[in-house]
């Protein structure tokens, strides 16, 4: 009996939480590890510029960011996470070559030690 309830619960959970692929948002998640030589003022400038960038490109539907606060110590030196949401992949395809994004990348690159980017369709 417990097994049946477990299966039913799993099926119901999937039915209520899984968005149809056509309606699911497209997420663009970016992690930054700055060079040791990057100053706090430069980091703040990048934070501000990324926030402003999100407002300059119409296909950006959501934006949030934060700095690592995990107690696990598994961040491999990455300190910043930026989470950009688009309606679909086409939104990202407008964003990436956009002049404002390219200008931001040009400012950012000299300050970065490493970057990690993950894109996914939300479920």
N, C-alpha and C. Protein backbone atom coordinates (compact mmCIF):
# COMPACT_ATOMS: atom_id res chain seq x y z
N UNK A 1 0.82 -1.19 0.00
CA UNK A 1 0.00 0.00 0.00
C UNK A 1 0.87 1.26 0.00
N UNK A 2 1.93 1.26 0.81
CA UNK A 2 2.82 2.41 0.85
C UNK A 2 3.46 2.65 -0.52
N UNK A 3 3.80 1.56 -1.21
CA UNK A 3 4.42 1.68 -2.53
C UNK A 3 3.46 2.33 -3.52
N UNK A 4 2.19 1.98 -3.45
CA UNK A 4 1.20 2.57 -4.36
C UNK A 4 1.08 4.06 -4.10
N UNK A 5 1.01 4.46 -2.83
CA UNK A 5 0.93 5.88 -2.50
C UNK A 5 2.19 6.63 -2.94
N UNK A 6 3.33 6.00 -2.81
CA UNK A 6 4.57 6.63 -3.24
C UNK A 6 4.57 6.87 -4.74
N UNK A 7 4.11 5.89 -5.51
CA UNK A 7 4.04 6.03 -6.97
C UNK A 7 3.03 7.12 -7.33
N UNK A 8 1.86 7.10 -6.71
CA UNK A 8 0.85 8.12 -7.00
C UNK A 8 1.35 9.51 -6.66
N UNK A 9 2.02 9.64 -5.52
CA UNK A 9 2.56 10.94 -5.13
C UNK A 9 3.58 11.43 -6.15
N UNK A 10 4.45 10.55 -6.61
CA UNK A 10 5.47 10.91 -7.59
C UNK A 10 4.83 11.35 -8.89
N UNK A 11 3.84 10.60 -9.36
CA UNK A 11 3.16 10.96 -10.62
C UNK A 11 2.46 12.31 -10.47
N UNK A 12 1.76 12.51 -9.38
CA UNK A 12 1.07 13.79 -9.16
C UNK A 12 2.07 14.95 -9.07
N UNK A 13 3.17 14.73 -8.41
CA UNK A 13 4.19 15.77 -8.29
C UNK A 13 4.73 16.14 -9.66
N UNK A 14 5.01 15.16 -10.48
CA UNK A 14 5.51 15.42 -11.83
C UNK A 14 4.49 16.15 -12.67
N UNK A 15 3.23 15.77 -12.54
CA UNK A 15 2.17 16.40 -13.34
C UNK A 15 1.98 17.86 -12.96
N UNK A 16 2.18 18.21 -11.70
CA UNK A 16 1.92 19.57 -11.26
C UNK A 16 3.15 20.46 -11.32
N UNK A 17 4.35 19.90 -11.40
CA UNK A 17 5.54 20.74 -11.38
C UNK A 17 6.24 20.82 -12.72
N UNK A 18 6.02 19.88 -13.61
CA UNK A 18 6.71 19.89 -14.89
C UNK A 18 5.98 20.79 -15.87
N UNK A 19 6.67 21.84 -16.33
CA UNK A 19 6.08 22.73 -17.30
C UNK A 19 6.21 22.11 -18.69
N UNK A 20 5.22 22.29 -19.54
CA UNK A 20 5.37 21.80 -20.91
C UNK A 20 6.58 22.49 -21.56
N UNK A 21 7.32 21.75 -22.36
CA UNK A 21 8.56 22.28 -22.96
C UNK A 21 8.31 23.57 -23.71
N UNK A 22 7.19 23.69 -24.39
CA UNK A 22 6.91 24.89 -25.18
C UNK A 22 6.69 26.11 -24.28
N UNK A 23 6.22 25.91 -23.07
CA UNK A 23 5.93 27.01 -22.16
C UNK A 23 7.00 27.23 -21.11
N UNK A 24 7.99 26.37 -21.07
CA UNK A 24 9.00 26.43 -20.01
C UNK A 24 9.99 27.55 -20.28
N UNK A 25 10.35 28.31 -19.26
CA UNK A 25 11.35 29.37 -19.43
C UNK A 25 12.73 28.80 -19.73
N UNK A 26 13.52 29.59 -20.40
CA UNK A 26 14.90 29.23 -20.73
C UNK A 26 15.80 29.98 -19.77
N UNK A 27 16.62 29.27 -19.02
CA UNK A 27 17.48 29.87 -17.99
C UNK A 27 18.93 29.92 -18.47
N UNK A 28 19.58 31.01 -18.14
CA UNK A 28 21.00 31.24 -18.45
C UNK A 28 21.66 31.59 -17.13
N UNK A 29 22.48 30.67 -16.62
CA UNK A 29 23.09 30.83 -15.30
C UNK A 29 24.59 31.01 -15.49
N UNK A 30 25.12 32.08 -14.90
CA UNK A 30 26.53 32.44 -15.09
C UNK A 30 27.21 32.57 -13.74
N UNK A 31 28.36 31.92 -13.59
CA UNK A 31 29.15 31.98 -12.37
C UNK A 31 30.48 32.65 -12.68
N UNK A 32 30.91 33.58 -11.82
CA UNK A 32 32.17 34.30 -12.02
C UNK A 32 33.15 33.99 -10.90
N UNK A 33 34.40 33.80 -11.28
CA UNK A 33 35.53 33.77 -10.36
C UNK A 33 36.46 34.88 -10.84
N UNK A 34 36.59 35.92 -10.05
CA UNK A 34 37.41 37.06 -10.44
C UNK A 34 38.89 36.79 -10.17
N UNK A 35 39.73 37.44 -10.93
CA UNK A 35 41.17 37.36 -10.70
C UNK A 35 41.48 37.95 -9.33
N UNK A 36 42.54 37.47 -8.71
CA UNK A 36 42.94 38.00 -7.40
C UNK A 36 43.25 39.49 -7.47
N UNK A 37 43.68 39.96 -8.63
CA UNK A 37 44.04 41.37 -8.80
C UNK A 37 42.84 42.29 -9.00
N UNK A 38 41.64 41.71 -9.15
CA UNK A 38 40.43 42.52 -9.34
C UNK A 38 40.08 43.19 -8.02
N UNK A 39 39.90 44.50 -8.07
CA UNK A 39 39.61 45.25 -6.85
C UNK A 39 38.12 45.16 -6.49
N UNK A 40 37.79 45.41 -5.23
CA UNK A 40 36.37 45.44 -4.84
C UNK A 40 35.56 46.46 -5.65
N UNK A 41 36.15 47.59 -5.98
CA UNK A 41 35.44 48.58 -6.79
C UNK A 41 35.15 48.04 -8.19
N UNK A 42 36.09 47.29 -8.76
CA UNK A 42 35.87 46.70 -10.08
C UNK A 42 34.77 45.65 -10.02
N UNK A 43 34.75 44.85 -8.96
CA UNK A 43 33.70 43.85 -8.80
C UNK A 43 32.34 44.53 -8.68
N UNK A 44 32.27 45.58 -7.89
CA UNK A 44 31.01 46.32 -7.74
C UNK A 44 30.57 46.93 -9.08
N UNK A 45 31.53 47.37 -9.87
CA UNK A 45 31.23 47.91 -11.18
C UNK A 45 30.63 46.85 -12.10
N UNK A 46 31.15 45.63 -12.02
CA UNK A 46 30.61 44.53 -12.82
C UNK A 46 29.20 44.17 -12.35
N UNK A 47 29.00 44.11 -11.05
CA UNK A 47 27.67 43.83 -10.52
C UNK A 47 26.66 44.84 -11.06
N UNK A 48 27.02 46.11 -10.95
CA UNK A 48 26.14 47.19 -11.42
C UNK A 48 25.90 47.09 -12.92
N UNK A 49 26.94 46.83 -13.67
CA UNK A 49 26.81 46.74 -15.13
C UNK A 49 25.92 45.56 -15.54
N UNK A 50 26.01 44.43 -14.84
CA UNK A 50 25.17 43.27 -15.19
C UNK A 50 23.71 43.59 -14.87
N UNK A 51 23.46 44.22 -13.74
CA UNK A 51 22.10 44.63 -13.39
C UNK A 51 21.53 45.55 -14.47
N UNK A 52 22.32 46.52 -14.89
CA UNK A 52 21.87 47.45 -15.93
C UNK A 52 21.67 46.73 -17.27
N UNK A 53 22.53 45.78 -17.58
CA UNK A 53 22.43 45.02 -18.82
C UNK A 53 21.07 44.33 -18.93
N UNK A 54 20.62 43.76 -17.84
CA UNK A 54 19.34 43.04 -17.86
C UNK A 54 18.19 43.95 -18.28
N UNK A 55 18.29 45.22 -17.98
CA UNK A 55 17.24 46.17 -18.36
C UNK A 55 17.38 46.72 -19.76
N UNK A 56 18.48 46.45 -20.41
CA UNK A 56 18.73 46.99 -21.75
C UNK A 56 18.29 46.06 -22.87
N UNK A 57 18.03 44.80 -22.56
CA UNK A 57 17.73 43.82 -23.60
C UNK A 57 16.32 43.28 -23.36
N UNK A 58 15.46 43.55 -24.31
CA UNK A 58 14.03 43.28 -24.17
C UNK A 58 13.69 41.81 -23.92
N UNK A 59 14.51 40.90 -24.40
CA UNK A 59 14.17 39.49 -24.25
C UNK A 59 14.45 38.94 -22.85
N UNK A 60 15.13 39.72 -22.01
CA UNK A 60 15.35 39.30 -20.61
C UNK A 60 14.03 39.45 -19.86
N UNK A 61 13.51 38.33 -19.37
CA UNK A 61 12.23 38.32 -18.66
C UNK A 61 12.39 38.27 -17.15
N UNK A 62 13.56 37.88 -16.68
CA UNK A 62 13.82 37.81 -15.25
C UNK A 62 15.32 37.86 -15.01
N UNK A 63 15.69 38.42 -13.85
CA UNK A 63 17.10 38.55 -13.52
C UNK A 63 17.25 38.56 -12.01
N UNK A 64 18.20 37.78 -11.52
CA UNK A 64 18.58 37.85 -10.11
C UNK A 64 20.04 37.47 -9.99
N UNK A 65 20.61 37.85 -8.89
CA UNK A 65 22.03 37.53 -8.69
C UNK A 65 22.34 37.50 -7.20
N UNK A 66 23.49 36.95 -6.89
CA UNK A 66 23.95 36.93 -5.51
C UNK A 66 25.38 36.44 -5.44
N UNK A 67 25.91 36.52 -4.24
CA UNK A 67 27.27 36.03 -4.01
C UNK A 67 27.21 34.77 -3.15
N UNK A 68 28.24 33.96 -3.27
CA UNK A 68 28.27 32.68 -2.59
C UNK A 68 28.22 32.85 -1.07
N UNK A 69 27.31 32.12 -0.46
CA UNK A 69 27.21 32.08 1.01
C UNK A 69 27.19 30.64 1.52
N UNK A 70 27.52 29.70 0.65
CA UNK A 70 27.47 28.30 1.02
C UNK A 70 28.54 27.96 2.05
N UNK A 71 28.18 27.23 3.10
CA UNK A 71 29.16 26.81 4.09
C UNK A 71 29.96 25.57 3.66
N UNK A 72 29.60 24.99 2.50
CA UNK A 72 30.22 23.73 2.09
C UNK A 72 31.63 23.88 1.53
N UNK A 73 31.98 25.06 1.04
CA UNK A 73 33.31 25.26 0.49
C UNK A 73 33.54 24.53 -0.84
N UNK A 74 32.50 24.35 -1.61
CA UNK A 74 32.60 23.61 -2.88
C UNK A 74 32.47 24.52 -4.09
N UNK A 75 32.63 25.82 -3.91
CA UNK A 75 32.41 26.78 -4.99
C UNK A 75 33.60 26.93 -5.93
N UNK A 76 34.72 26.27 -5.64
CA UNK A 76 35.90 26.29 -6.51
C UNK A 76 36.34 27.72 -6.85
N UNK A 77 36.15 28.63 -5.92
CA UNK A 77 36.58 30.01 -6.13
C UNK A 77 35.55 30.90 -6.79
N UNK A 78 34.46 30.33 -7.29
CA UNK A 78 33.40 31.15 -7.89
C UNK A 78 32.68 31.90 -6.77
N UNK A 79 32.51 33.20 -6.96
CA UNK A 79 31.92 34.02 -5.92
C UNK A 79 30.56 34.59 -6.29
N UNK A 80 30.28 34.72 -7.59
CA UNK A 80 29.07 35.39 -8.05
C UNK A 80 28.25 34.47 -8.95
N UNK A 81 26.92 34.54 -8.77
CA UNK A 81 25.98 33.81 -9.63
C UNK A 81 24.97 34.81 -10.18
N UNK A 82 24.79 34.79 -11.49
CA UNK A 82 23.80 35.62 -12.15
C UNK A 82 22.84 34.69 -12.89
N UNK A 83 21.56 34.93 -12.70
CA UNK A 83 20.51 34.03 -13.17
C UNK A 83 19.59 34.84 -14.07
N UNK A 84 19.66 34.58 -15.39
CA UNK A 84 18.90 35.34 -16.37
C UNK A 84 17.85 34.43 -16.99
N UNK A 85 16.61 34.91 -17.05
CA UNK A 85 15.51 34.12 -17.59
C UNK A 85 15.01 34.73 -18.89
N UNK A 86 14.78 33.86 -19.86
CA UNK A 86 14.21 34.24 -21.14
C UNK A 86 12.94 33.42 -21.35
N UNK A 87 12.05 33.91 -22.20
CA UNK A 87 10.84 33.15 -22.52
C UNK A 87 11.20 31.82 -23.17
N UNK A 88 12.22 31.86 -24.03
CA UNK A 88 12.62 30.67 -24.76
C UNK A 88 14.05 30.86 -25.26
N UNK A 89 14.57 29.87 -25.96
CA UNK A 89 15.95 29.93 -26.44
C UNK A 89 16.16 31.09 -27.41
N UNK A 90 15.13 31.44 -28.15
CA UNK A 90 15.23 32.57 -29.08
C UNK A 90 15.59 33.87 -28.33
N UNK A 91 15.11 34.00 -27.10
CA UNK A 91 15.45 35.17 -26.29
C UNK A 91 16.94 35.24 -26.00
N UNK A 92 17.54 34.09 -25.69
CA UNK A 92 18.99 34.04 -25.47
C UNK A 92 19.74 34.35 -26.76
N UNK A 93 19.21 33.88 -27.87
CA UNK A 93 19.86 34.10 -29.16
C UNK A 93 19.86 35.57 -29.57
N UNK A 94 18.94 36.35 -29.05
CA UNK A 94 18.95 37.81 -29.24
C UNK A 94 19.95 38.44 -28.27
N UNK A 95 19.98 37.94 -27.05
CA UNK A 95 20.80 38.49 -25.96
C UNK A 95 22.30 38.37 -26.22
N UNK A 96 22.74 37.17 -26.61
CA UNK A 96 24.19 36.92 -26.72
C UNK A 96 24.91 37.87 -27.69
N UNK A 97 24.41 38.08 -28.91
CA UNK A 97 25.13 38.98 -29.83
C UNK A 97 24.77 40.46 -29.66
N UNK A 98 23.83 40.77 -28.78
CA UNK A 98 23.37 42.15 -28.59
C UNK A 98 24.56 43.05 -28.26
N UNK A 99 24.57 44.24 -28.82
CA UNK A 99 25.69 45.17 -28.62
C UNK A 99 25.93 45.46 -27.13
N UNK A 100 24.87 45.61 -26.35
CA UNK A 100 25.03 45.89 -24.92
C UNK A 100 25.69 44.72 -24.20
N UNK A 101 25.33 43.50 -24.57
CA UNK A 101 25.94 42.31 -23.97
C UNK A 101 27.41 42.22 -24.37
N UNK A 102 27.70 42.46 -25.64
CA UNK A 102 29.08 42.38 -26.11
C UNK A 102 29.96 43.44 -25.43
N UNK A 103 29.42 44.62 -25.20
CA UNK A 103 30.16 45.66 -24.48
C UNK A 103 30.45 45.23 -23.04
N UNK A 104 29.44 44.65 -22.39
CA UNK A 104 29.60 44.16 -21.03
C UNK A 104 30.69 43.08 -20.96
N UNK A 105 30.65 42.13 -21.89
CA UNK A 105 31.64 41.05 -21.93
C UNK A 105 33.05 41.63 -22.10
N UNK A 106 33.18 42.66 -22.93
CA UNK A 106 34.48 43.29 -23.14
C UNK A 106 35.03 43.91 -21.86
N UNK A 107 34.16 44.46 -21.05
CA UNK A 107 34.57 45.04 -19.76
C UNK A 107 34.89 43.94 -18.75
N UNK A 108 34.14 42.88 -18.79
CA UNK A 108 34.24 41.80 -17.82
C UNK A 108 35.47 40.92 -18.01
N UNK A 109 35.74 40.52 -19.24
CA UNK A 109 36.77 39.50 -19.51
C UNK A 109 38.12 39.76 -18.87
N UNK A 110 38.65 40.98 -18.90
CA UNK A 110 39.97 41.18 -18.30
C UNK A 110 40.01 40.97 -16.78
N UNK A 111 38.84 40.95 -16.14
CA UNK A 111 38.77 40.84 -14.69
C UNK A 111 38.53 39.41 -14.20
N UNK A 112 38.21 38.50 -15.14
CA UNK A 112 37.82 37.14 -14.76
C UNK A 112 38.98 36.16 -14.78
N UNK A 113 38.99 35.31 -13.78
CA UNK A 113 39.89 34.15 -13.75
C UNK A 113 39.20 32.99 -14.45
N UNK A 114 37.91 32.76 -14.08
CA UNK A 114 37.13 31.68 -14.68
C UNK A 114 35.67 32.09 -14.75
N UNK A 115 34.98 31.50 -15.71
CA UNK A 115 33.54 31.68 -15.82
C UNK A 115 32.93 30.32 -16.12
N UNK A 116 31.74 30.09 -15.61
CA UNK A 116 31.01 28.87 -15.89
C UNK A 116 29.59 29.30 -16.30
N UNK A 117 29.12 28.77 -17.42
CA UNK A 117 27.79 29.11 -17.92
C UNK A 117 27.00 27.82 -18.11
N UNK A 118 25.79 27.80 -17.58
CA UNK A 118 24.87 26.68 -17.77
C UNK A 118 23.55 27.25 -18.28
N UNK A 119 23.04 26.67 -19.33
CA UNK A 119 21.71 27.01 -19.85
C UNK A 119 20.85 25.78 -19.71
N UNK A 120 19.58 26.00 -19.39
CA UNK A 120 18.65 24.87 -19.31
C UNK A 120 17.22 25.34 -19.50
N UNK A 121 16.38 24.41 -19.88
CA UNK A 121 14.95 24.67 -19.97
C UNK A 121 14.34 24.25 -18.63
N UNK A 122 13.65 25.18 -17.99
CA UNK A 122 13.08 24.91 -16.67
C UNK A 122 12.03 23.80 -16.74
N UNK A 123 12.01 22.99 -15.70
CA UNK A 123 11.00 21.92 -15.60
C UNK A 123 10.20 22.10 -14.34
